[in-house]
C-alpha atoms as a PDB file:
ATOM      1  CA  MET A   1       0.110  -0.047  -0.002  1.00  0.00           C
ATOM      2  CA  ALA A   2       2.974   2.417   1.080  1.00  0.00           C
ATOM      3  CA  GLU A   3       5.163   1.178  -1.549  1.00  0.00           C
ATOM      4  CA  ALA A   4       3.701   4.057  -3.997  1.00  0.00           C
ATOM      5  CA  TRP A   5       4.911   6.841  -1.566  1.00  0.00           C
ATOM      6  CA  PRO A   6       8.540   6.564  -1.090  1.00  0.00           C
ATOM      7  CA  ASP A   7       9.234   9.979  -3.232  1.00  0.00           C
ATOM      8  CA  PHE A   8       6.459  12.041  -1.429  1.00  0.00           C
ATOM      9  CA  TYR A   9       8.025  10.881   1.937  1.00  0.00           C
ATOM     10  CA  VAL A  10      11.585  11.543   1.001  1.00  0.00           C
ATOM     11  CA  ALA A  11      10.813  14.901  -0.262  1.00  0.00           C
ATOM     12  CA  THR A  12       8.473  15.931   2.603  1.00  0.00           C
ATOM     13  CA  MET A  13      11.017  14.757   5.210  1.00  0.00           C
ATOM     14  CA  GLY A  14      13.889  16.585   3.470  1.00  0.00           C
ATOM     15  CA  ALA A  15      11.564  19.657   3.382  1.00  0.00           C
ATOM     16  CA  ALA A  16      10.607  19.292   6.972  1.00  0.00           C
ATOM     17  CA  ALA A  17      14.181  18.780   8.032  1.00  0.00           C
ATOM     18  CA  ALA A  18      15.209  22.054   6.234  1.00  0.00           C
ATOM     19  CA  LEU A  19      12.563  23.889   7.953  1.00  0.00           C
ATOM     20  CA  SER A  20      13.204  22.717  11.124  1.00  0.00           C
ATOM     21  CA  GLY A  21      16.776  23.899  10.613  1.00  0.00           C
ATOM     22  CA  LEU A  22      15.718  27.388   9.629  1.00  0.00           C
ATOM     23  CA  LEU A  23      13.313  27.560  12.676  1.00  0.00           C
ATOM     24  CA  ILE A  24      16.247  26.538  14.873  1.00  0.00           C
ATOM     25  CA  VAL A  25      18.357  29.382  13.208  1.00  0.00           C
ATOM     26  CA  ALA A  26      15.473  31.825  13.543  1.00  0.00           C
ATOM     27  CA  VAL A  27      15.186  31.013  17.142  1.00  0.00           C
ATOM     28  CA  SER A  28      18.809  31.318  17.969  1.00  0.00           C
ATOM     29  CA  ILE A  29      19.238  34.473  15.995  1.00  0.00           C
ATOM     30  CA  ASN A  30      16.166  36.303  17.482  1.00  0.00           C
ATOM     31  CA  LEU A  31      16.377  34.353  21.194  1.00  0.00           C
ATOM     32  CA  GLN A  32      16.390  37.697  23.174  1.00  0.00           C
ATOM     33  CA  ARG A  33      13.597  39.294  21.269  1.00  0.00           C
ATOM     34  CA  ILE A  34      11.586  36.082  21.268  1.00  0.00           C
ATOM     35  CA  LEU A  35      11.692  36.112  25.083  1.00  0.00           C
ATOM     36  CA  GLU A  36      10.845  39.621  25.238  1.00  0.00           C
ATOM     37  CA  PHE A  37       7.332  38.261  24.385  1.00  0.00           C
ATOM     38  CA  LYS A  38       5.705  35.918  26.875  1.00  0.00           C
ATOM     39  CA  HIS A  39       3.747  34.202  24.075  1.00  0.00           C
ATOM     40  CA  LEU A  40       6.679  33.583  21.694  1.00  0.00           C
ATOM     41  CA  PRO A  41       8.658  30.861  23.192  1.00  0.00           C
ATOM     42  CA  SER A  42       5.435  28.506  23.353  1.00  0.00           C
ATOM     43  CA  ARG A  43       4.962  29.444  19.476  1.00  0.00           C
ATOM     44  CA  ALA A  44       8.702  28.456  18.754  1.00  0.00           C
ATOM     45  CA  ALA A  45       8.060  25.292  20.691  1.00  0.00           C
ATOM     46  CA  GLU A  46       4.692  24.505  18.708  1.00  0.00           C
ATOM     47  CA  ALA A  47       6.375  25.142  15.266  1.00  0.00           C
ATOM     48  CA  LEU A  48       9.293  22.899  16.356  1.00  0.00           C
ATOM     49  CA  LEU A  49       6.706  20.246  17.465  1.00  0.00           C
ATOM     50  CA  THR A  50       4.643  20.523  14.247  1.00  0.00           C
ATOM     51  CA  LEU A  51       7.981  20.235  11.780  1.00  0.00           C
ATOM     52  CA  ALA A  52       9.052  17.257  14.054  1.00  0.00           C
ATOM     53  CA  GLY A  53       5.871  15.501  13.071  1.00  0.00           C
ATOM     54  CA  ALA A  54       6.459  16.375   9.519  1.00  0.00           C
ATOM     55  CA  MET A  55       9.707  14.694   9.616  1.00  0.00           C
ATOM     56  CA  LEU A  56       8.858  11.801  11.922  1.00  0.00           C
ATOM     57  CA  THR A  57       5.530  10.910   9.860  1.00  0.00           C
ATOM     58  CA  PRO A  58       7.138  10.326   6.437  1.00  0.00           C
ATOM     59  CA  GLY A  59      10.371   8.707   8.168  1.00  0.00           C
ATOM     60  CA  ALA A  60       7.928   6.229   9.556  1.00  0.00           C
ATOM     61  CA  GLY A  61       6.400   5.687   6.110  1.00  0.00           C
ATOM     62  CA  LEU A  62       9.929   4.911   4.664  1.00  0.00           C
ATOM     63  CA  ILE A  63      10.345   1.828   7.067  1.00  0.00           C
ATOM     64  CA  PRO A  64       9.303  -1.398   5.670  1.00  0.00           C
ATOM     65  CA  GLN A  65       6.705  -2.593   7.567  1.00  0.00           C
ATOM     66  CA  PRO A  66       2.762  -3.718   7.502  1.00  0.00           C
ATOM     67  CA  PRO A  67       0.371  -0.959   7.060  1.00  0.00           C
ATOM     68  CA  THR A  68      -1.123  -1.480  10.569  1.00  0.00           C
ATOM     69  CA  ALA A  69       2.137  -0.780  12.075  1.00  0.00           C
ATOM     70  CA  LEU A  70       2.252   2.444   9.796  1.00  0.00           C
ATOM     71  CA  GLY A  71      -1.059   3.332  10.900  1.00  0.00           C
ATOM     72  CA  VAL A  72      -0.239   3.068  14.786  1.00  0.00           C
ATOM     73  CA  GLU A  73       2.976   4.964  14.336  1.00  0.00           C
ATOM     74  CA  THR A  74       1.478   8.147  12.413  1.00  0.00           C
ATOM     75  CA  CYS A  75      -1.670   7.913  14.778  1.00  0.00           C
ATOM     76  CA  ILE A  76       0.545   8.218  17.896  1.00  0.00           C
ATOM     77  CA  ILE A  77       2.735  11.020  15.916  1.00  0.00           C
ATOM     78  CA  GLY A  78      -0.509  12.785  14.810  1.00  0.00           C
ATOM     79  CA  ALA A  79      -2.083  12.739  18.567  1.00  0.00           C
ATOM     80  CA  ILE A  80       1.282  14.109  20.040  1.00  0.00           C
ATOM     81  CA  VAL A  81       1.476  17.068  17.539  1.00  0.00           C
ATOM     82  CA  PHE A  82      -2.219  17.778  18.068  1.00  0.00           C
ATOM     83  CA  ILE A  83      -2.133  17.621  21.689  1.00  0.00           C
ATOM     84  CA  GLY A  84       1.304  19.579  21.985  1.00  0.00           C
ATOM     85  CA  SER A  85      -0.025  22.116  19.778  1.00  0.00           C
ATOM     86  CA  VAL A  86      -3.254  22.692  21.754  1.00  0.00           C
ATOM     87  CA  ALA A  87      -1.140  22.862  24.724  1.00  0.00           C
ATOM     88  CA  ALA A  88       1.450  25.382  23.493  1.00  0.00           C
ATOM     89  CA  GLN A  89      -1.227  27.559  22.294  1.00  0.00           C
ATOM     90  CA  VAL A  90      -3.391  27.582  25.557  1.00  0.00           C
ATOM     91  CA  SER A  91       0.070  28.353  27.265  1.00  0.00           C
ATOM     92  CA  GLY A  92       0.360  31.508  24.834  1.00  0.00           C
ATOM     93  CA  PHE A  93      -3.036  32.598  25.275  1.00  0.00           C
ATOM     94  CA  ARG A  94      -2.414  32.449  29.066  1.00  0.00           C
ATOM     95  CA  ALA A  95       0.539  34.798  28.469  1.00  0.00           C
ATOM     96  CA  LEU A  96      -1.355  37.172  26.741  1.00  0.00           C
ATOM     97  CA  PRO A  97      -5.167  36.777  27.756  1.00  0.00           C
ATOM     98  CA  ASN A  98      -6.136  40.361  26.334  1.00  0.00           C
ATOM     99  CA  SER A  99      -4.547  39.992  22.888  1.00  0.00           C
ATOM    100  CA  PRO A 100      -6.723  40.471  19.960  1.00  0.00           C
ATOM    101  CA  ALA A 101      -8.620  37.498  18.823  1.00  0.00           C
ATOM    102  CA  ARG A 102      -7.133  37.763  15.347  1.00  0.00           C
ATOM    103  CA  TRP A 103      -3.776  36.740  16.741  1.00  0.00           C
ATOM    104  CA  TRP A 104      -5.049  33.434  17.843  1.00  0.00           C
ATOM    105  CA  ILE A 105      -7.742  32.533  15.183  1.00  0.00           C
ATOM    106  CA  SER A 106      -4.883  31.906  12.543  1.00  0.00           C
ATOM    107  CA  ARG A 107      -2.841  29.832  14.826  1.00  0.00           C
ATOM    108  CA  ALA A 108      -5.948  28.129  16.116  1.00  0.00           C
ATOM    109  CA  ALA A 109      -7.097  27.377  12.227  1.00  0.00           C
ATOM    110  CA  LEU A 110      -3.861  25.762  11.412  1.00  0.00           C
ATOM    111  CA  THR A 111      -1.210  24.263  13.736  1.00  0.00           C
ATOM    112  CA  PRO A 112      -3.216  22.116  15.954  1.00  0.00           C
ATOM    113  CA  PHE A 113      -4.941  20.827  12.628  1.00  0.00           C
ATOM    114  CA  THR A 114      -1.675  19.533  11.271  1.00  0.00           C
ATOM    115  CA  GLY A 115      -1.358  16.638  13.632  1.00  0.00           C
ATOM    116  CA  LEU A 116      -5.316  15.740  13.262  1.00  0.00           C
ATOM    117  CA  PRO A 117      -5.161  14.556   9.853  1.00  0.00           C
ATOM    118  CA  ILE A 118      -1.977  12.660  10.307  1.00  0.00           C
ATOM    119  CA  ALA A 119      -3.711  10.874  13.366  1.00  0.00           C
ATOM    120  CA  ILE A 120      -6.857  10.446  11.282  1.00  0.00           C
ATOM    121  CA  GLY A 121      -4.974   8.850   8.556  1.00  0.00           C
ATOM    122  CA  GLY A 122      -3.005   6.373  10.851  1.00  0.00           C
ATOM    123  CA  ALA A 123      -6.312   5.499  12.403  1.00  0.00           C
ATOM    124  CA  LEU A 124      -7.543   4.753   8.873  1.00  0.00           C
ATOM    125  CA  LEU A 125      -4.575   2.577   7.979  1.00  0.00           C
ATOM    126  CA  VAL A 126      -4.950   0.648  11.237  1.00  0.00           C
ATOM    127  CA  THR A 127      -8.638  -0.359   9.984  1.00  0.00           C
ATOM    128  CA  GLY A 128      -7.340  -1.093   6.642  1.00  0.00           C
ATOM    129  CA  THR A 129      -8.218   1.959   4.436  1.00  0.00           C
ATOM    130  CA  SER A 130      -5.592   3.087   2.251  1.00  0.00           C
ATOM    131  CA  ALA A 131      -7.081   6.471   1.953  1.00  0.00           C
ATOM    132  CA  GLY A 132      -5.476   7.134   5.379  1.00  0.00           C
ATOM    133  CA  LEU A 133      -2.373   7.828   3.120  1.00  0.00           C
ATOM    134  CA  TYR A 134      -4.123  10.799   1.862  1.00  0.00           C
ATOM    135  CA  TRP A 135      -5.038  12.132   5.009  1.00  0.00           C
ATOM    136  CA  ILE A 136      -1.426  11.687   6.215  1.00  0.00           C
ATOM    137  CA  ALA A 137       0.001  13.633   3.282  1.00  0.00           C
ATOM    138  CA  ALA A 138      -2.499  16.409   3.837  1.00  0.00           C
ATOM    139  CA  GLY A 139      -1.401  16.627   7.878  1.00  0.00           C
ATOM    140  CA  VAL A 140       2.307  16.575   6.489  1.00  0.00           C
ATOM    141  CA  LEU A 141       1.845  19.471   3.778  1.00  0.00           C
ATOM    142  CA  LEU A 142      -0.224  21.495   6.523  1.00  0.00           C
ATOM    143  CA  SER A 143       2.725  20.886   8.893  1.00  0.00           C
ATOM    144  CA  LEU A 144       5.163  22.330   6.299  1.00  0.00           C
ATOM    145  CA  ALA A 145       2.969  25.393   5.654  1.00  0.00           C
ATOM    146  CA  ALA A 146       2.630  26.003   9.492  1.00  0.00           C
ATOM    147  CA  GLY A 147       6.397  25.599   9.862  1.00  0.00           C
ATOM    148  CA  VAL A 148       6.966  28.302   6.933  1.00  0.00           C
ATOM    149  CA  GLU A 149       4.600  30.725   8.633  1.00  0.00           C
ATOM    150  CA  THR A 150       6.124  30.501  12.126  1.00  0.00           C
ATOM    151  CA  SER A 151       9.716  30.330  10.864  1.00  0.00           C
ATOM    152  CA  TRP A 152       8.626  33.728   9.032  1.00  0.00           C
ATOM    153  CA  VAL A 153       7.341  35.269  12.202  1.00  0.00           C
ATOM    154  CA  LEU A 154      10.277  34.308  14.224  1.00  0.00           C
ATOM    155  CA  LEU A 155      12.878  35.257  11.581  1.00  0.00           C
ATOM    156  CA  VAL A 156      11.376  38.530   9.927  1.00  0.00           C
ATOM    157  CA  GLU A 157       8.259  39.845  11.590  1.00  0.00           C
ATOM    158  CA  ILE A 158       9.773  39.681  15.038  1.00  0.00           C
ATOM    159  CA  VAL A 159      12.176  42.391  14.063  1.00  0.00           C
ATOM    160  CA  ARG A 160       9.745  44.880  12.564  1.00  0.00           C
END
């Protein structure tokens, strides 16, 4: 089932690794500035978790294994990314309880939902539904988009 996906897995894993490196550079360059804002350390952690999920998920897909095992692994990865993202957002919201709703809407609409399709896809694979691979792909691509957006904020927007 997953035999047709190695190019996708390799490409997205490499992209996630590159974005993770960019995020780490962005945080290290702007660490003092990030620490000045109570909500940004949790945002950086959330972004790194999201990109780690985008690396681990295709990594699991590259391991020769039964679809059920891949499903369990991706379900766990997706759940960890989803729960970790929600926890980071709650932490950030608590740090800035009076911030404008627009700040949180964009984050709440994207980042937690990077892990959810991965978890759903994993669950579908466990049940034998090969369409789970498309859910996983959607989650990985959303993770990359969220990683780009947060890296931009931590590298460029923060110095404005």
